[in-house]
Each structure stands twice: as C-alpha cells, then as structure tokens.
Amino acid sequence: MIRVANAQFWVHDQDEALTFYPQRLGWEVRSDVTVPEWSFRWLVVGPPGQDGIGLVLMSVPQPPMYDADTAALADLVAKGAGGTLFLETDDCQAAYDQLSARGIEFNDPPTPQPYGIDTSFRDPSGNSIRLTQVLEFSLDRR
C-alpha cells in the first residue's frame, strides 16, 4: 500500500515557521534535523492525533542550488502561489475563535459556502491555508 506521508511548504525562515506552526496552530514538531555539511534542515510539523502525516517546512533554496532566475520562488511563495493546505474541522467558528486568540490573522470570517463553512489565513511566509467545516449535502441535484 502507498500512503501520503508528508506534504511540503516552502518557507522563508524555518525558525519563524517553527514558532508559528506549534505555537499558533497548535501542531507538534515531528522532526528537526540539521545536516550542516549540506546546509540543509529537515523540519516537519503535524497535527496532534494524525501521526501518519506531516508538513515539511522546507527553506526556500538560495543560490547556488537555484540560479538567479529561479530565485523568484521566494516572491511567489510570499504571494501565496506556492500551493494551499486544506484543513478540516468539525466547528469552523470555534476553530476560528481559538486560532484568532493565538494570534492568527484570518483573511475572512467563517463564511457559508455550498460545500460547508470556510475561512482562510496565511503562514508567515505567505503560504495559503484554508480551514473548512464540511457539511453533509446530497449529490442528487435534480
């Protein structure tokens, strides 16, 4: 069987991400290993109770790994173009209130959508994170 183990976000500052995800989002640090000879740090966080999946917080590569033309990656990440992490909750309003109290600034309040109640925020690097309470609905739309 093949399973999803990790997803990855580019981050501008791994130490800042290491503060944000555990302290603001309430996630656990799964791995924090530095390989000095490679100038590389493997940093993984994940939600409590979901031990089988983590989010790798990978430092935006700098030259010589990427050339000057691909250095635009940092700008794209800051604009939220690096992808989106979709989180699910049983109570969007309660999660919104709890995370707001921890200092997370949301882009919008929890808003009813055809698929559920939804809101969004960004991490310190600009990565987009959506928080959704999925509602039951019928697929039969005659």
Protein backbone atom coordinates (compact mmCIF):
# COMPACT_ATOMS: atom_id res chain seq x y z
CA MET A 1 0.00 0.00 0.00
CA ILE A 2 1.18 3.54 -0.77
CA ARG A 3 0.19 6.29 1.69
CA VAL A 4 0.68 10.04 1.85
CA ALA A 5 3.37 10.68 4.47
CA ASN A 6 4.20 14.36 4.08
CA ALA A 7 3.32 17.45 2.09
CA GLN A 8 5.71 20.39 1.76
CA PHE A 9 5.60 24.18 2.02
CA TRP A 10 8.46 26.50 1.08
CA VAL A 11 9.19 28.89 3.95
CA HIS A 12 11.35 31.99 4.10
CA ASP A 13 12.50 31.39 7.67
CA GLN A 14 12.38 27.93 9.24
CA ASP A 15 12.78 29.32 12.77
CA GLU A 16 9.79 31.61 12.25
CA ALA A 17 7.79 28.67 10.85
CA LEU A 18 8.87 26.59 13.85
CA THR A 19 7.28 29.22 16.10
CA PHE A 20 4.11 29.65 14.02
CA TYR A 21 3.00 26.05 13.48
CA PRO A 22 3.42 24.73 17.06
CA GLN A 23 2.57 27.90 19.00
CA ARG A 24 -0.13 29.47 16.83
CA LEU A 25 -1.62 26.47 15.02
CA GLY A 26 -1.03 24.03 17.90
CA TRP A 27 0.85 21.43 15.86
CA GLU A 28 3.61 19.10 17.02
CA VAL A 29 7.21 19.10 15.83
CA ARG A 30 7.80 15.71 14.21
CA SER A 31 11.39 16.18 13.07
CA ASP A 32 14.01 18.91 13.23
CA VAL A 33 17.32 17.66 11.85
CA THR A 34 20.13 19.80 10.50
CA VAL A 35 22.79 18.43 8.16
CA PRO A 36 25.48 21.14 8.35
CA GLU A 37 27.66 19.77 5.56
CA TRP A 38 24.71 20.15 3.16
CA SER A 39 23.44 23.44 4.67
CA PHE A 40 20.14 21.61 4.99
CA ARG A 41 17.46 21.38 7.68
CA TRP A 42 14.65 18.80 7.63
CA LEU A 43 11.80 20.34 9.62
CA VAL A 44 8.45 18.55 9.86
CA VAL A 45 5.34 19.51 11.86
CA GLY A 46 1.92 17.88 12.05
CA PRO A 47 -1.45 17.99 13.73
CA PRO A 48 -1.80 16.15 17.05
CA GLY A 49 -3.55 12.82 16.64
CA GLN A 50 -2.53 12.42 12.99
CA ASP A 51 0.86 10.80 13.41
CA GLY A 52 0.94 9.40 9.88
CA ILE A 53 1.19 12.72 8.04
CA GLY A 54 3.35 15.81 8.38
CA LEU A 55 4.05 19.12 6.73
CA VAL A 56 7.68 19.60 5.70
CA LEU A 57 8.73 23.23 6.15
CA MET A 58 11.48 23.50 3.56
CA SER A 59 13.65 26.59 3.40
CA VAL A 60 13.37 28.46 0.09
CA PRO A 61 16.56 27.44 -1.74
CA GLN A 62 19.23 30.03 -2.33
CA PRO A 63 21.99 30.08 -4.94
CA PRO A 64 23.92 28.01 -5.83
CA MET A 65 21.06 25.46 -5.51
CA TYR A 66 18.85 27.69 -7.67
CA ASP A 67 20.12 30.32 -10.08
CA ALA A 68 19.07 33.96 -10.03
CA ASP A 69 16.18 33.34 -12.44
CA THR A 70 14.57 30.79 -10.16
CA ALA A 71 15.12 32.96 -7.07
CA ALA A 72 11.67 34.36 -7.86
CA LEU A 73 10.34 31.36 -5.91
CA ALA A 74 10.56 33.38 -2.68
CA ASP A 75 8.37 36.10 -4.19
CA LEU A 76 5.82 33.57 -5.43
CA VAL A 77 5.61 31.93 -2.02
CA ALA A 78 5.08 35.33 -0.37
CA LYS A 79 2.15 35.95 -2.72
CA GLY A 80 0.54 32.62 -1.77
CA ALA A 81 1.28 30.98 -5.12
CA GLY A 82 3.15 28.05 -3.57
CA GLY A 83 0.01 25.97 -3.08
CA THR A 84 -2.69 25.62 -0.47
CA LEU A 85 -3.06 23.42 2.59
CA PHE A 86 -6.67 22.39 3.23
CA LEU A 87 -7.55 21.73 6.87
CA GLU A 88 -10.85 20.32 8.08
CA THR A 89 -12.61 20.92 11.38
CA ASP A 90 -15.91 19.91 12.97
CA ASP A 91 -16.64 23.50 14.05
CA CYS A 92 -15.20 26.25 11.87
CA GLN A 93 -16.34 29.12 14.10
CA ALA A 94 -14.85 27.56 17.26
CA ALA A 95 -11.54 26.83 15.47
CA TYR A 96 -11.52 30.39 14.06
CA ASP A 97 -12.06 31.82 17.56
CA GLN A 98 -9.36 29.60 19.10
CA LEU A 99 -6.76 30.34 16.41
CA SER A 100 -7.58 34.07 16.42
CA ALA A 101 -6.94 34.09 20.17
CA ARG A 102 -3.50 32.55 19.45
CA GLY A 103 -2.67 35.43 17.09
CA ILE A 104 -3.56 34.00 13.68
CA GLU A 105 -4.91 36.73 11.40
CA PHE A 106 -7.60 35.40 9.07
CA ASN A 107 -8.30 36.72 5.59
CA ASP A 108 -12.04 36.44 6.12
CA PRO A 109 -14.52 35.25 8.76
CA PRO A 110 -16.05 31.78 8.59
CA THR A 111 -18.39 32.00 5.62
CA PRO A 112 -21.08 29.57 4.43
CA GLN A 113 -20.24 28.05 1.04
CA PRO A 114 -22.06 25.37 -0.99
CA TYR A 115 -19.70 22.71 0.44
CA GLY A 116 -19.51 23.91 4.05
CA ILE A 117 -18.25 26.75 6.22
CA ASP A 118 -14.88 28.08 5.17
CA THR A 119 -12.20 30.63 6.11
CA SER A 120 -8.52 31.17 5.28
CA PHE A 121 -5.23 32.51 6.59
CA ARG A 122 -1.58 32.52 5.64
CA ASP A 123 1.54 31.41 7.44
CA PRO A 124 4.39 33.92 7.97
CA SER A 125 5.90 33.02 4.58
CA GLY A 126 2.64 33.67 2.72
CA ASN A 127 1.51 30.07 2.22
CA SER A 128 -2.26 29.77 1.90
CA ILE A 129 -4.17 27.68 4.44
CA ARG A 130 -7.93 27.05 4.22
CA LEU A 131 -9.98 25.86 7.18
CA THR A 132 -13.27 24.17 6.33
CA GLN A 133 -16.17 22.60 8.16
CA VAL A 134 -17.57 20.23 5.54
CA LEU A 135 -21.34 19.99 5.60
CA GLU A 136 -23.36 17.00 4.50
CA PHE A 137 -25.25 17.52 1.28
CA SER A 138 -26.95 15.43 -1.34
CA LEU A 139 -25.18 14.80 -4.63
CA ASP A 140 -28.61 14.40 -6.24
CA ARG A 141 -29.32 17.93 -7.50
CA ARG A 142 -32.25 17.36 -9.81
